[in-house]
PDB file of N, CA and C in Angstrom:
ATOM      1  N   MET A   1     -66.628 -58.437 -60.201  1.00  0.00           N
ATOM      2  CA  MET A   1     -67.357 -57.708 -61.402  1.00  0.00           C
ATOM      3  C   MET A   1     -66.470 -56.648 -61.861  1.00  0.00           C
ATOM      4  N   LEU A   2     -66.695 -56.234 -63.070  1.00  0.00           N
ATOM      5  CA  LEU A   2     -65.763 -55.232 -63.562  1.00  0.00           C
ATOM      6  C   LEU A   2     -65.698 -54.023 -62.848  1.00  0.00           C
ATOM      7  N   LYS A   3     -66.928 -53.595 -62.347  1.00  0.00           N
ATOM      8  CA  LYS A   3     -66.911 -52.412 -61.409  1.00  0.00           C
ATOM      9  C   LYS A   3     -67.673 -53.080 -60.107  1.00  0.00           C
ATOM     10  N   ASP A   4     -66.874 -53.181 -58.976  1.00  0.00           N
ATOM     11  CA  ASP A   4     -67.346 -53.886 -57.894  1.00  0.00           C
ATOM     12  C   ASP A   4     -68.555 -53.208 -57.230  1.00  0.00           C
ATOM     13  N   LEU A   5     -69.488 -53.986 -56.778  1.00  0.00           N
ATOM     14  CA  LEU A   5     -70.607 -53.447 -56.092  1.00  0.00           C
ATOM     15  C   LEU A   5     -70.160 -53.205 -54.638  1.00  0.00           C
ATOM     16  N   ASN A   6     -70.384 -52.105 -54.166  1.00  0.00           N
ATOM     17  CA  ASN A   6     -70.098 -51.728 -52.808  1.00  0.00           C
ATOM     18  C   ASN A   6     -70.734 -52.407 -51.721  1.00  0.00           C
ATOM     19  N   LEU A   7     -70.058 -53.212 -51.151  1.00  0.00           N
ATOM     20  CA  LEU A   7     -70.705 -54.162 -49.982  1.00  0.00           C
ATOM     21  C   LEU A   7     -70.602 -53.682 -48.506  1.00  0.00           C
ATOM     22  N   VAL A   8     -69.672 -52.765 -48.561  1.00  0.00           N
ATOM     23  CA  VAL A   8     -69.263 -52.222 -46.979  1.00  0.00           C
ATOM     24  C   VAL A   8     -70.303 -51.005 -46.666  1.00  0.00           C
ATOM     25  N   GLY A   9     -71.052 -50.354 -47.518  1.00  0.00           N
ATOM     26  CA  GLY A   9     -71.845 -49.296 -47.308  1.00  0.00           C
ATOM     27  C   GLY A   9     -71.370 -48.065 -48.083  1.00  0.00           C
ATOM     28  N   GLY A  10     -71.823 -46.853 -47.771  1.00  0.00           N
ATOM     29  CA  GLY A  10     -71.474 -45.710 -48.540  1.00  0.00           C
ATOM     30  C   GLY A  10     -72.335 -45.543 -49.725  1.00  0.00           C
ATOM     31  N   MET A  11     -73.078 -46.439 -50.087  1.00  0.00           N
ATOM     32  CA  MET A  11     -73.890 -46.368 -51.314  1.00  0.00           C
ATOM     33  C   MET A  11     -75.277 -46.515 -50.929  1.00  0.00           C
ATOM     34  N   THR A  12     -76.181 -45.719 -51.262  1.00  0.00           N
ATOM     35  CA  THR A  12     -77.600 -45.754 -50.970  1.00  0.00           C
ATOM     36  C   THR A  12     -78.169 -46.962 -51.678  1.00  0.00           C
ATOM     37  N   ASN A  13     -79.299 -47.563 -51.172  1.00  0.00           N
ATOM     38  CA  ASN A  13     -79.882 -48.819 -51.721  1.00  0.00           C
ATOM     39  C   ASN A  13     -80.284 -48.627 -53.017  1.00  0.00           C
ATOM     40  N   THR A  14     -80.733 -47.199 -53.431  1.00  0.00           N
ATOM     41  CA  THR A  14     -81.169 -46.920 -54.729  1.00  0.00           C
ATOM     42  C   THR A  14     -80.118 -46.963 -55.819  1.00  0.00           C
ATOM     43  N   ASP A  15     -78.757 -46.431 -55.287  1.00  0.00           N
ATOM     44  CA  ASP A  15     -77.680 -46.462 -56.092  1.00  0.00           C
ATOM     45  C   ASP A  15     -77.143 -47.962 -56.394  1.00  0.00           C
ATOM     46  N   TRP A  16     -77.056 -48.665 -55.338  1.00  0.00           N
ATOM     47  CA  TRP A  16     -76.775 -49.798 -55.461  1.00  0.00           C
ATOM     48  C   TRP A  16     -77.533 -50.786 -56.209  1.00  0.00           C
ATOM     49  N   LEU A  17     -79.023 -50.643 -56.082  1.00  0.00           N
ATOM     50  CA  LEU A  17     -79.960 -51.386 -56.982  1.00  0.00           C
ATOM     51  C   LEU A  17     -79.679 -51.037 -58.623  1.00  0.00           C
ATOM     52  N   ASN A  18     -79.548 -49.612 -58.853  1.00  0.00           N
ATOM     53  CA  ASN A  18     -79.295 -49.189 -60.101  1.00  0.00           C
ATOM     54  C   ASN A  18     -78.217 -49.933 -60.687  1.00  0.00           C
ATOM     55  N   GLN A  19     -76.941 -49.937 -59.867  1.00  0.00           N
ATOM     56  CA  GLN A  19     -75.839 -50.665 -60.431  1.00  0.00           C
ATOM     57  C   GLN A  19     -76.017 -52.008 -60.642  1.00  0.00           C
ATOM     58  N   PHE A  20     -76.708 -52.675 -59.593  1.00  0.00           N
ATOM     59  CA  PHE A  20     -76.817 -54.074 -59.641  1.00  0.00           C
ATOM     60  C   PHE A  20     -77.700 -54.304 -61.115  1.00  0.00           C
ATOM     61  N   HIS A  21     -78.747 -53.645 -61.273  1.00  0.00           N
ATOM     62  CA  HIS A  21     -79.712 -53.824 -62.367  1.00  0.00           C
ATOM     63  C   HIS A  21     -78.681 -53.662 -63.642  1.00  0.00           C
ATOM     64  N   ASP A  22     -77.787 -52.717 -63.777  1.00  0.00           N
ATOM     65  CA  ASP A  22     -76.867 -52.423 -64.937  1.00  0.00           C
ATOM     66  C   ASP A  22     -75.940 -53.797 -65.089  1.00  0.00           C
ATOM     67  N   GLU A  23     -75.569 -54.243 -63.993  1.00  0.00           N
ATOM     68  CA  GLU A  23     -74.649 -55.506 -64.124  1.00  0.00           C
ATOM     69  C   GLU A  23     -75.491 -56.679 -64.536  1.00  0.00           C
ATOM     70  N   MET A  24     -76.728 -56.934 -64.080  1.00  0.00           N
ATOM     71  CA  MET A  24     -77.660 -57.895 -64.648  1.00  0.00           C
ATOM     72  C   MET A  24     -77.929 -57.820 -66.149  1.00  0.00           C
ATOM     73  N   ARG A  25     -78.203 -56.406 -66.522  1.00  0.00           N
ATOM     74  CA  ARG A  25     -78.507 -56.291 -68.031  1.00  0.00           C
ATOM     75  C   ARG A  25     -77.115 -56.560 -68.795  1.00  0.00           C
ATOM     76  N   THR A  26     -75.993 -56.084 -68.399  1.00  0.00           N
ATOM     77  CA  THR A  26     -74.902 -56.239 -69.116  1.00  0.00           C
ATOM     78  C   THR A  26     -74.597 -57.869 -69.284  1.00  0.00           C
ATOM     79  N   HIS A  27     -74.790 -58.532 -68.307  1.00  0.00           N
ATOM     80  CA  HIS A  27     -74.476 -59.958 -68.454  1.00  0.00           C
ATOM     81  C   HIS A  27     -75.633 -60.806 -68.723  1.00  0.00           C
ATOM     82  N   LYS A  28     -76.799 -60.174 -69.155  1.00  0.00           N
ATOM     83  CA  LYS A  28     -78.101 -60.860 -69.622  1.00  0.00           C
ATOM     84  C   LYS A  28     -78.513 -61.952 -68.410  1.00  0.00           C
ATOM     85  N   ILE A  29     -78.441 -61.521 -67.227  1.00  0.00           N
ATOM     86  CA  ILE A  29     -78.960 -62.395 -66.096  1.00  0.00           C
ATOM     87  C   ILE A  29     -80.314 -62.108 -65.693  1.00  0.00           C
ATOM     88  N   THR A  30     -81.231 -63.219 -65.780  1.00  0.00           N
ATOM     89  CA  THR A  30     -82.514 -62.917 -65.538  1.00  0.00           C
ATOM     90  C   THR A  30     -82.850 -63.233 -64.010  1.00  0.00           C
ATOM     91  N   GLN A  31     -83.909 -62.699 -63.571  1.00  0.00           N
ATOM     92  CA  GLN A  31     -84.172 -62.725 -62.141  1.00  0.00           C
ATOM     93  C   GLN A  31     -84.449 -64.123 -61.637  1.00  0.00           C
ATOM     94  N   GLY A  32     -84.904 -64.919 -62.583  1.00  0.00           N
ATOM     95  CA  GLY A  32     -85.078 -66.472 -62.229  1.00  0.00           C
ATOM     96  C   GLY A  32     -83.765 -67.033 -61.994  1.00  0.00           C
ATOM     97  N   GLN A  33     -82.864 -66.716 -62.717  1.00  0.00           N
ATOM     98  CA  GLN A  33     -81.398 -67.190 -62.698  1.00  0.00           C
ATOM     99  C   GLN A  33     -80.830 -66.908 -61.274  1.00  0.00           C
ATOM    100  N   LEU A  34     -81.077 -65.620 -61.047  1.00  0.00           N
ATOM    101  CA  LEU A  34     -80.445 -64.926 -59.836  1.00  0.00           C
ATOM    102  C   LEU A  34     -81.095 -65.487 -58.587  1.00  0.00           C
ATOM    103  N   ALA A  35     -82.547 -65.615 -58.690  1.00  0.00           N
ATOM    104  CA  ALA A  35     -83.170 -66.193 -57.530  1.00  0.00           C
ATOM    105  C   ALA A  35     -82.774 -67.505 -57.190  1.00  0.00           C
ATOM    106  N   LYS A  36     -82.609 -68.430 -58.210  1.00  0.00           N
ATOM    107  CA  LYS A  36     -82.034 -69.892 -57.966  1.00  0.00           C
ATOM    108  C   LYS A  36     -80.747 -69.804 -57.408  1.00  0.00           C
ATOM    109  N   THR A  37     -79.770 -69.007 -57.989  1.00  0.00           N
ATOM    110  CA  THR A  37     -78.379 -68.950 -57.367  1.00  0.00           C
ATOM    111  C   THR A  37     -78.294 -68.428 -55.994  1.00  0.00           C
ATOM    112  N   ALA A  38     -79.224 -67.369 -55.782  1.00  0.00           N
ATOM    113  CA  ALA A  38     -79.151 -66.597 -54.424  1.00  0.00           C
ATOM    114  C   ALA A  38     -80.068 -67.460 -53.324  1.00  0.00           C
ATOM    115  N   ASP A  39     -80.627 -68.429 -53.844  1.00  0.00           N
ATOM    116  CA  ASP A  39     -81.666 -69.120 -53.031  1.00  0.00           C
ATOM    117  C   ASP A  39     -82.757 -68.351 -52.427  1.00  0.00           C
ATOM    118  N   TYR A  40     -83.336 -67.603 -53.138  1.00  0.00           N
ATOM    119  CA  TYR A  40     -84.540 -66.587 -53.009  1.00  0.00           C
ATOM    120  C   TYR A  40     -85.614 -67.108 -53.670  1.00  0.00           C
ATOM    121  N   SER A  41     -86.807 -66.907 -53.338  1.00  0.00           N
ATOM    122  CA  SER A  41     -88.062 -67.181 -54.131  1.00  0.00           C
ATOM    123  C   SER A  41     -88.006 -66.157 -55.241  1.00  0.00           C
ATOM    124  N   ARG A  42     -88.540 -66.402 -56.344  1.00  0.00           N
ATOM    125  CA  ARG A  42     -88.561 -65.544 -57.425  1.00  0.00           C
ATOM    126  C   ARG A  42     -89.273 -64.218 -56.919  1.00  0.00           C
ATOM    127  N   SER A  43     -90.464 -64.293 -56.281  1.00  0.00           N
ATOM    128  CA  SER A  43     -91.115 -63.113 -55.812  1.00  0.00           C
ATOM    129  C   SER A  43     -90.679 -62.431 -54.770  1.00  0.00           C
ATOM    130  N   HIS A  44     -89.768 -62.965 -53.814  1.00  0.00           N
ATOM    131  CA  HIS A  44     -89.125 -62.213 -52.776  1.00  0.00           C
ATOM    132  C   HIS A  44     -88.007 -61.509 -53.551  1.00  0.00           C
ATOM    133  N   LEU A  45     -87.335 -62.091 -54.385  1.00  0.00           N
ATOM    134  CA  LEU A  45     -86.180 -61.493 -55.139  1.00  0.00           C
ATOM    135  C   LEU A  45     -86.554 -60.246 -55.804  1.00  0.00           C
ATOM    136  N   ASN A  46     -87.700 -60.308 -56.457  1.00  0.00           N
ATOM    137  CA  ASN A  46     -88.433 -59.278 -57.283  1.00  0.00           C
ATOM    138  C   ASN A  46     -88.825 -58.198 -56.511  1.00  0.00           C
ATOM    139  N   GLN A  47     -89.285 -58.294 -55.166  1.00  0.00           N
ATOM    140  CA  GLN A  47     -89.563 -57.237 -54.069  1.00  0.00           C
ATOM    141  C   GLN A  47     -88.217 -56.693 -53.795  1.00  0.00           C
ATOM    142  N   LEU A  48     -87.256 -57.265 -53.585  1.00  0.00           N
ATOM    143  CA  LEU A  48     -85.997 -56.654 -53.130  1.00  0.00           C
ATOM    144  C   LEU A  48     -85.407 -55.780 -54.405  1.00  0.00           C
ATOM    145  N   LEU A  49     -85.373 -56.224 -55.532  1.00  0.00           N
ATOM    146  CA  LEU A  49     -84.937 -55.564 -56.674  1.00  0.00           C
ATOM    147  C   LEU A  49     -85.770 -54.460 -57.089  1.00  0.00           C
ATOM    148  N   THR A  50     -86.963 -54.440 -56.673  1.00  0.00           N
ATOM    149  CA  THR A  50     -87.769 -53.305 -57.069  1.00  0.00           C
ATOM    150  C   THR A  50     -87.828 -52.224 -55.884  1.00  0.00           C
ATOM    151  N   GLY A  51     -87.328 -52.639 -54.859  1.00  0.00           N
ATOM    152  CA  GLY A  51     -87.404 -51.724 -53.837  1.00  0.00           C
ATOM    153  C   GLY A  51     -88.571 -51.806 -52.854  1.00  0.00           C
ATOM    154  N   ASN A  52     -89.369 -52.740 -53.178  1.00  0.00           N
ATOM    155  CA  ASN A  52     -90.634 -53.023 -52.324  1.00  0.00           C
ATOM    156  C   ASN A  52     -90.507 -53.556 -50.958  1.00  0.00           C
ATOM    157  N   LYS A  53     -89.175 -54.191 -50.774  1.00  0.00           N
ATOM    158  CA  LYS A  53     -88.791 -54.674 -49.644  1.00  0.00           C
ATOM    159  C   LYS A  53     -87.455 -54.058 -49.286  1.00  0.00           C
ATOM    160  N   PRO A  54     -87.203 -53.855 -48.125  1.00  0.00           N
ATOM    161  CA  PRO A  54     -85.680 -53.208 -47.857  1.00  0.00           C
ATOM    162  C   PRO A  54     -84.547 -54.201 -48.018  1.00  0.00           C
ATOM    163  N   ILE A  55     -83.657 -53.746 -48.748  1.00  0.00           N
ATOM    164  CA  ILE A  55     -82.375 -54.533 -48.948  1.00  0.00           C
ATOM    165  C   ILE A  55     -81.236 -54.157 -47.936  1.00  0.00           C
ATOM    166  N   ASN A  56     -80.844 -55.066 -47.096  1.00  0.00           N
ATOM    167  CA  ASN A  56     -79.865 -54.957 -46.050  1.00  0.00           C
ATOM    168  C   ASN A  56     -78.536 -55.370 -46.573  1.00  0.00           C
ATOM    169  N   GLU A  57     -77.578 -55.291 -45.908  1.00  0.00           N
ATOM    170  CA  GLU A  57     -76.040 -55.617 -46.130  1.00  0.00           C
ATOM    171  C   GLU A  57     -76.027 -57.081 -46.461  1.00  0.00           C
ATOM    172  N   GLN A  58     -76.645 -58.003 -45.691  1.00  0.00           N
ATOM    173  CA  GLN A  58     -76.654 -59.323 -45.827  1.00  0.00           C
ATOM    174  C   GLN A  58     -77.231 -59.724 -47.123  1.00  0.00           C
ATOM    175  N   ALA A  59     -78.191 -59.096 -47.665  1.00  0.00           N
ATOM    176  CA  ALA A  59     -79.025 -59.378 -48.942  1.00  0.00           C
ATOM    177  C   ALA A  59     -78.073 -58.832 -50.022  1.00  0.00           C
ATOM    178  N   ARG A  60     -77.331 -57.676 -49.846  1.00  0.00           N
ATOM    179  CA  ARG A  60     -76.334 -57.213 -50.810  1.00  0.00           C
ATOM    180  C   ARG A  60     -75.383 -58.196 -51.017  1.00  0.00           C
ATOM    181  N   VAL A  61     -74.746 -58.603 -50.051  1.00  0.00           N
ATOM    182  CA  VAL A  61     -73.743 -59.673 -50.220  1.00  0.00           C
ATOM    183  C   VAL A  61     -74.113 -61.072 -50.815  1.00  0.00           C
ATOM    184  N   ARG A  62     -75.298 -61.554 -50.406  1.00  0.00           N
ATOM    185  CA  ARG A  62     -75.769 -62.540 -50.970  1.00  0.00           C
ATOM    186  C   ARG A  62     -76.077 -62.551 -52.489  1.00  0.00           C
ATOM    187  N   LEU A  63     -76.745 -61.279 -52.861  1.00  0.00           N
ATOM    188  CA  LEU A  63     -77.101 -61.066 -54.236  1.00  0.00           C
ATOM    189  C   LEU A  63     -75.705 -60.972 -55.191  1.00  0.00           C
ATOM    190  N   THR A  64     -74.846 -60.179 -54.627  1.00  0.00           N
ATOM    191  CA  THR A  64     -73.559 -59.852 -55.299  1.00  0.00           C
ATOM    192  C   THR A  64     -72.745 -61.350 -55.408  1.00  0.00           C
ATOM    193  N   LEU A  65     -72.753 -62.094 -54.533  1.00  0.00           N
ATOM    194  CA  LEU A  65     -72.070 -63.271 -54.672  1.00  0.00           C
ATOM    195  C   LEU A  65     -72.820 -64.162 -55.798  1.00  0.00           C
ATOM    196  N   ALA A  66     -74.154 -64.215 -55.725  1.00  0.00           N
ATOM    197  CA  ALA A  66     -74.822 -65.059 -56.703  1.00  0.00           C
ATOM    198  C   ALA A  66     -74.446 -64.502 -58.106  1.00  0.00           C
ATOM    199  N   LEU A  67     -74.509 -63.073 -58.344  1.00  0.00           N
ATOM    200  CA  LEU A  67     -74.171 -62.435 -59.580  1.00  0.00           C
ATOM    201  C   LEU A  67     -72.887 -62.924 -60.081  1.00  0.00           C
ATOM    202  N   ARG A  68     -71.766 -62.767 -59.158  1.00  0.00           N
ATOM    203  CA  ARG A  68     -70.526 -63.241 -59.400  1.00  0.00           C
ATOM    204  C   ARG A  68     -70.561 -64.623 -59.834  1.00  0.00           C
ATOM    205  N   SER A  69     -71.146 -65.382 -59.220  1.00  0.00           N
ATOM    206  CA  SER A  69     -71.046 -66.784 -59.525  1.00  0.00           C
ATOM    207  C   SER A  69     -71.769 -67.096 -61.066  1.00  0.00           C
ATOM    208  N   LEU A  70     -72.904 -66.404 -61.262  1.00  0.00           N
ATOM    209  CA  LEU A  70     -73.305 -66.515 -62.746  1.00  0.00           C
ATOM    210  C   LEU A  70     -72.594 -65.867 -63.785  1.00  0.00           C
ATOM    211  N   THR A  71     -71.804 -64.920 -63.398  1.00  0.00           N
ATOM    212  CA  THR A  71     -71.016 -64.191 -64.460  1.00  0.00           C
ATOM    213  C   THR A  71     -69.546 -64.872 -64.507  1.00  0.00           C
ATOM    214  N   GLY A  72     -69.308 -65.752 -63.608  1.00  0.00           N
ATOM    215  CA  GLY A  72     -67.819 -66.249 -63.435  1.00  0.00           C
ATOM    216  C   GLY A  72     -66.745 -65.213 -63.048  1.00  0.00           C
ATOM    217  N   GLN A  73     -67.298 -64.097 -62.541  1.00  0.00           N
ATOM    218  CA  GLN A  73     -66.239 -63.159 -61.955  1.00  0.00           C
ATOM    219  C   GLN A  73     -66.152 -63.242 -60.775  1.00  0.00           C
ATOM    220  N   ASN A  74     -64.823 -63.450 -60.111  1.00  0.00           N
ATOM    221  CA  ASN A  74     -64.674 -63.640 -58.838  1.00  0.00           C
ATOM    222  C   ASN A  74     -64.109 -62.459 -57.984  1.00  0.00           C
ATOM    223  N   ASN A  75     -63.812 -61.416 -58.917  1.00  0.00           N
ATOM    224  CA  ASN A  75     -63.452 -60.090 -58.312  1.00  0.00           C
ATOM    225  C   ASN A  75     -62.171 -60.142 -57.376  1.00  0.00           C
ATOM    226  N   ILE A  76     -61.324 -60.965 -57.858  1.00  0.00           N
ATOM    227  CA  ILE A  76     -59.895 -61.012 -57.178  1.00  0.00           C
ATOM    228  C   ILE A  76     -58.960 -60.317 -58.078  1.00  0.00           C
ATOM    229  N   ASP A  77     -58.381 -59.161 -57.644  1.00  0.00           N
ATOM    230  CA  ASP A  77     -57.472 -58.442 -58.350  1.00  0.00           C
ATOM    231  C   ASP A  77     -56.177 -58.448 -57.633  1.00  0.00           C
ATOM    232  N   VAL A  78     -55.108 -58.388 -58.363  1.00  0.00           N
ATOM    233  CA  VAL A  78     -53.804 -58.377 -57.756  1.00  0.00           C
ATOM    234  C   VAL A  78     -52.958 -57.098 -58.214  1.00  0.00           C
ATOM    235  N   CYS A  79     -52.310 -56.531 -57.460  1.00  0.00           N
ATOM    236  CA  CYS A  79     -51.379 -55.446 -57.778  1.00  0.00           C
ATOM    237  C   CYS A  79     -50.044 -55.611 -57.211  1.00  0.00           C
ATOM    238  N   ILE A  80     -48.942 -55.821 -57.864  1.00  0.00           N
ATOM    239  CA  ILE A  80     -47.812 -55.785 -57.326  1.00  0.00           C
ATOM    240  C   ILE A  80     -47.122 -54.579 -57.454  1.00  0.00           C
ATOM    241  N   ASP A  81     -46.732 -53.842 -56.348  1.00  0.00           N
ATOM    242  CA  ASP A  81     -46.344 -52.548 -56.390  1.00  0.00           C
ATOM    243  C   ASP A  81     -44.730 -52.540 -56.446  1.00  0.00           C
ATOM    244  N   TYR A  82     -44.237 -53.514 -56.061  1.00  0.00           N
ATOM    245  CA  TYR A  82     -42.684 -53.607 -55.936  1.00  0.00           C
ATOM    246  C   TYR A  82     -42.212 -55.162 -55.945  1.00  0.00           C
ATOM    247  N   LEU A  83     -41.285 -55.365 -56.656  1.00  0.00           N
ATOM    248  CA  LEU A  83     -40.824 -56.825 -56.536  1.00  0.00           C
ATOM    249  C   LEU A  83     -39.265 -56.783 -56.618  1.00  0.00           C
ATOM    250  N   GLY A  84     -38.551 -57.537 -55.814  1.00  0.00           N
ATOM    251  CA  GLY A  84     -37.197 -57.583 -55.791  1.00  0.00           C
ATOM    252  C   GLY A  84     -36.790 -58.988 -56.125  1.00  0.00           C
ATOM    253  N   VAL A  85     -35.672 -59.093 -56.907  1.00  0.00           N
ATOM    254  CA  VAL A  85     -35.321 -60.376 -57.274  1.00  0.00           C
ATOM    255  C   VAL A  85     -33.828 -60.386 -57.119  1.00  0.00           C
ATOM    256  N   ILE A  86     -33.165 -61.668 -56.613  1.00  0.00           N
ATOM    257  CA  ILE A  86     -31.735 -61.647 -56.349  1.00  0.00           C
ATOM    258  C   ILE A  86     -31.245 -62.881 -57.215  1.00  0.00           C
ATOM    259  N   PHE A  87     -30.282 -62.678 -57.869  1.00  0.00           N
ATOM    260  CA  PHE A  87     -29.638 -63.822 -58.666  1.00  0.00           C
ATOM    261  C   PHE A  87     -28.276 -64.114 -58.159  1.00  0.00           C
ATOM    262  N   LYS A  88     -28.008 -65.357 -58.103  1.00  0.00           N
ATOM    263  CA  LYS A  88     -26.699 -65.636 -57.419  1.00  0.00           C
ATOM    264  C   LYS A  88     -25.689 -65.808 -58.772  1.00  0.00           C
ATOM    265  N   SER A  89     -25.685 -64.828 -59.521  1.00  0.00           N
ATOM    266  CA  SER A  89     -24.644 -64.907 -60.624  1.00  0.00           C
ATOM    267  C   SER A  89     -24.665 -63.391 -61.138  1.00  0.00           C
ATOM    268  N   HIS A  90     -23.439 -63.205 -61.658  1.00  0.00           N
ATOM    269  CA  HIS A  90     -23.165 -61.767 -62.320  1.00  0.00           C
ATOM    270  C   HIS A  90     -23.240 -61.903 -63.918  1.00  0.00           C
ATOM    271  N   ASP A  91     -23.394 -63.054 -64.384  1.00  0.00           N
ATOM    272  CA  ASP A  91     -23.395 -63.412 -65.918  1.00  0.00           C
ATOM    273  C   ASP A  91     -24.822 -62.978 -66.381  1.00  0.00           C
ATOM    274  N   TYR A  92     -25.070 -61.809 -66.657  1.00  0.00           N
ATOM    275  CA  TYR A  92     -26.378 -61.381 -66.993  1.00  0.00           C
ATOM    276  C   TYR A  92     -26.924 -61.925 -68.179  1.00  0.00           C
ATOM    277  N   GLU A  93     -26.038 -62.209 -69.225  1.00  0.00           N
ATOM    278  CA  GLU A  93     -26.446 -62.799 -70.474  1.00  0.00           C
ATOM    279  C   GLU A  93     -27.031 -64.281 -70.225  1.00  0.00           C
ATOM    280  N   GLU A  94     -26.358 -65.024 -69.342  1.00  0.00           N
ATOM    281  CA  GLU A  94     -26.956 -66.387 -69.178  1.00  0.00           C
ATOM    282  C   GLU A  94     -28.200 -66.328 -68.321  1.00  0.00           C
ATOM    283  N   LEU A  95     -28.362 -65.183 -67.405  1.00  0.00           N
ATOM    284  CA  LEU A  95     -29.578 -65.028 -66.575  1.00  0.00           C
ATOM    285  C   LEU A  95     -30.737 -64.754 -67.609  1.00  0.00           C
ATOM    286  N   VAL A  96     -30.327 -63.736 -68.462  1.00  0.00           N
ATOM    287  CA  VAL A  96     -31.523 -63.432 -69.372  1.00  0.00           C
ATOM    288  C   VAL A  96     -31.935 -64.392 -70.216  1.00  0.00           C
ATOM    289  N   MET A  97     -31.019 -65.434 -70.650  1.00  0.00           N
ATOM    290  CA  MET A  97     -31.462 -66.434 -71.585  1.00  0.00           C
ATOM    291  C   MET A  97     -32.300 -67.462 -70.691  1.00  0.00           C
ATOM    292  N   GLU A  98     -31.665 -67.771 -69.523  1.00  0.00           N
ATOM    293  CA  GLU A  98     -32.455 -68.626 -68.682  1.00  0.00           C
ATOM    294  C   GLU A  98     -33.948 -68.247 -68.372  1.00  0.00           C
ATOM    295  N   VAL A  99     -34.090 -66.902 -68.054  1.00  0.00           N
ATOM    296  CA  VAL A  99     -35.338 -66.389 -67.602  1.00  0.00           C
ATOM    297  C   VAL A  99     -36.188 -66.511 -68.836  1.00  0.00           C
ATOM    298  N   LYS A 100     -35.720 -66.081 -70.032  1.00  0.00           N
ATOM    299  CA  LYS A 100     -36.447 -66.129 -71.212  1.00  0.00           C
ATOM    300  C   LYS A 100     -36.968 -67.493 -71.624  1.00  0.00           C
ATOM    301  N   SER A 101     -36.020 -68.470 -71.423  1.00  0.00           N
ATOM    302  CA  SER A 101     -36.419 -69.866 -71.664  1.00  0.00           C
ATOM    303  C   SER A 101     -37.493 -70.292 -70.804  1.00  0.00           C
ATOM    304  N   LYS A 102     -37.483 -69.749 -69.519  1.00  0.00           N
ATOM    305  CA  LYS A 102     -38.609 -70.281 -68.485  1.00  0.00           C
ATOM    306  C   LYS A 102     -39.936 -69.624 -68.832  1.00  0.00           C
ATOM    307  N   MET A 103     -39.961 -68.325 -69.258  1.00  0.00           N
ATOM    308  CA  MET A 103     -41.186 -67.810 -69.591  1.00  0.00           C
ATOM    309  C   MET A 103     -41.790 -68.341 -70.990  1.00  0.00           C
ATOM    310  N   LEU A 104     -41.063 -69.036 -71.812  1.00  0.00           N
ATOM    311  CA  LEU A 104     -41.786 -69.449 -72.970  1.00  0.00           C
ATOM    312  C   LEU A 104     -42.511 -70.938 -72.718  1.00  0.00           C
ATOM    313  N   VAL A 105     -42.222 -71.353 -71.675  1.00  0.00           N
ATOM    314  CA  VAL A 105     -42.780 -72.694 -71.220  1.00  0.00           C
ATOM    315  C   VAL A 105     -44.218 -72.692 -70.977  1.00  0.00           C
TER     316      VAL A 105
END
């Protein structure tokens, strides 16, 4: 998700549910779609999302994975902090042209 739902803790159920509802509204996901994907009955899901039944860590994970599945977001981010490259030539013009031609493919 664009703003990942905290699965490890540190967020109250109320805050988590509010953020989860925001994500559902943003992506126009219905409770019916979510219930089917998360393999919950519609009534059980409704009780979880309204706070009438306690929502535990396992339910958070299950619902988050279902929402990710429905939105097509897998939440995999990559950050490369440092990259080293060694070329076996000192002819920089040739290297630049070769790299440039490979990038256009």
